[in-house]
Amino acid sequence: MGINSESDKSANLQIGPTTMGMVRLYVEAESAEIPMDFEPDEAEEIAAEIKAAAAQARLMGK
């Protein structure tokens, strides 16, 4: 499965700060729980990538 492959699977995503000063992305799917911790600077880079991808997707959808 790649970035352009459609899927009918679903997952829950939670994002928030940890008590250790990290940013956690927590993905929960049918049989998997994946906590991913990032330094704040890394999290801001990821946020910028998400915003850029959203802007591109918005243009492609028109």
C-alpha atoms as a PDB file:
ATOM      1  CA  MET A   1       0.000   0.000   0.000  1.00  0.00           C
ATOM      2  CA  GLY A   2       1.331   3.409  -0.923  1.00  0.00           C
ATOM      3  CA  ILE A   3       0.357   7.019  -0.478  1.00  0.00           C
ATOM      4  CA  ASN A   4      -1.995   6.882  -3.481  1.00  0.00           C
ATOM      5  CA  SER A   5      -3.618   3.520  -2.712  1.00  0.00           C
ATOM      6  CA  GLU A   6      -7.191   3.747  -1.485  1.00  0.00           C
ATOM      7  CA  SER A   7      -8.233   1.767   1.563  1.00  0.00           C
ATOM      8  CA  ASP A   8     -11.395   1.223   3.542  1.00  0.00           C
ATOM      9  CA  LYS A   9      -9.459   0.815   6.787  1.00  0.00           C
ATOM     10  CA  SER A  10      -9.898   3.429   9.462  1.00  0.00           C
ATOM     11  CA  ALA A  11      -7.863   4.601  12.426  1.00  0.00           C
ATOM     12  CA  ASN A  12      -8.103   7.146  15.198  1.00  0.00           C
ATOM     13  CA  LEU A  13      -5.467   9.852  15.488  1.00  0.00           C
ATOM     14  CA  GLN A  14      -4.769  11.801  18.659  1.00  0.00           C
ATOM     15  CA  ILE A  15      -2.204  14.597  18.871  1.00  0.00           C
ATOM     16  CA  GLY A  16      -1.019  16.306  22.021  1.00  0.00           C
ATOM     17  CA  PRO A  17       1.857  17.226  24.300  1.00  0.00           C
ATOM     18  CA  THR A  18       3.406  14.709  26.669  1.00  0.00           C
ATOM     19  CA  THR A  19       4.513  15.402  30.220  1.00  0.00           C
ATOM     20  CA  MET A  20       8.095  15.060  28.952  1.00  0.00           C
ATOM     21  CA  GLY A  21       7.796  18.045  26.590  1.00  0.00           C
ATOM     22  CA  MET A  22       7.365  15.999  23.434  1.00  0.00           C
ATOM     23  CA  VAL A  23       4.550  16.054  20.900  1.00  0.00           C
ATOM     24  CA  ARG A  24       2.827  12.692  20.572  1.00  0.00           C
ATOM     25  CA  LEU A  25       0.947  11.411  17.556  1.00  0.00           C
ATOM     26  CA  TYR A  26      -1.026   8.407  18.712  1.00  0.00           C
ATOM     27  CA  VAL A  27      -2.573   6.175  16.049  1.00  0.00           C
ATOM     28  CA  GLU A  28      -5.037   3.482  17.036  1.00  0.00           C
ATOM     29  CA  ALA A  29      -6.362   0.997  14.483  1.00  0.00           C
ATOM     30  CA  GLU A  30      -8.076  -2.380  14.675  1.00  0.00           C
ATOM     31  CA  SER A  31      -5.212  -4.295  16.238  1.00  0.00           C
ATOM     32  CA  ALA A  32      -2.470  -1.706  16.571  1.00  0.00           C
ATOM     33  CA  GLU A  33      -1.617   1.196  18.831  1.00  0.00           C
ATOM     34  CA  ILE A  34       1.267   3.345  17.626  1.00  0.00           C
ATOM     35  CA  PRO A  35       2.593   6.173  19.799  1.00  0.00           C
ATOM     36  CA  MET A  36       5.067   8.423  17.981  1.00  0.00           C
ATOM     37  CA  ASP A  37       6.902  11.100  19.976  1.00  0.00           C
ATOM     38  CA  PHE A  38       8.593  14.096  18.361  1.00  0.00           C
ATOM     39  CA  GLU A  39      10.629  17.030  19.566  1.00  0.00           C
ATOM     40  CA  PRO A  40       8.634  20.273  19.206  1.00  0.00           C
ATOM     41  CA  ASP A  41      10.800  21.408  16.259  1.00  0.00           C
ATOM     42  CA  GLU A  42      10.186  18.097  14.474  1.00  0.00           C
ATOM     43  CA  ALA A  43       6.458  18.413  15.129  1.00  0.00           C
ATOM     44  CA  GLU A  44       6.447  21.879  13.567  1.00  0.00           C
ATOM     45  CA  GLU A  45       8.208  20.481  10.484  1.00  0.00           C
ATOM     46  CA  ILE A  46       5.583  17.742  10.231  1.00  0.00           C
ATOM     47  CA  ALA A  47       2.814  20.330  10.607  1.00  0.00           C
ATOM     48  CA  ALA A  48       4.332  22.365   7.760  1.00  0.00           C
ATOM     49  CA  GLU A  49       4.449  19.247   5.560  1.00  0.00           C
ATOM     50  CA  ILE A  50       0.794  18.496   6.346  1.00  0.00           C
ATOM     51  CA  LYS A  51      -0.197  22.078   5.481  1.00  0.00           C
ATOM     52  CA  ALA A  52       1.735  21.920   2.198  1.00  0.00           C
ATOM     53  CA  ALA A  53       0.123  18.597   1.283  1.00  0.00           C
ATOM     54  CA  ALA A  54      -3.327  19.992   2.120  1.00  0.00           C
ATOM     55  CA  ALA A  55      -2.705  22.996  -0.129  1.00  0.00           C
ATOM     56  CA  GLN A  56      -1.628  20.724  -2.996  1.00  0.00           C
ATOM     57  CA  ALA A  57      -4.618  18.431  -2.476  1.00  0.00           C
ATOM     58  CA  ARG A  58      -6.936  21.436  -2.470  1.00  0.00           C
ATOM     59  CA  LEU A  59      -5.550  22.533  -5.858  1.00  0.00           C
ATOM     60  CA  MET A  60      -5.854  19.023  -7.297  1.00  0.00           C
ATOM     61  CA  GLY A  61      -9.468  18.760  -6.168  1.00  0.00           C
ATOM     62  CA  LYS A  62     -10.570  21.776  -8.211  1.00  0.00           C
END
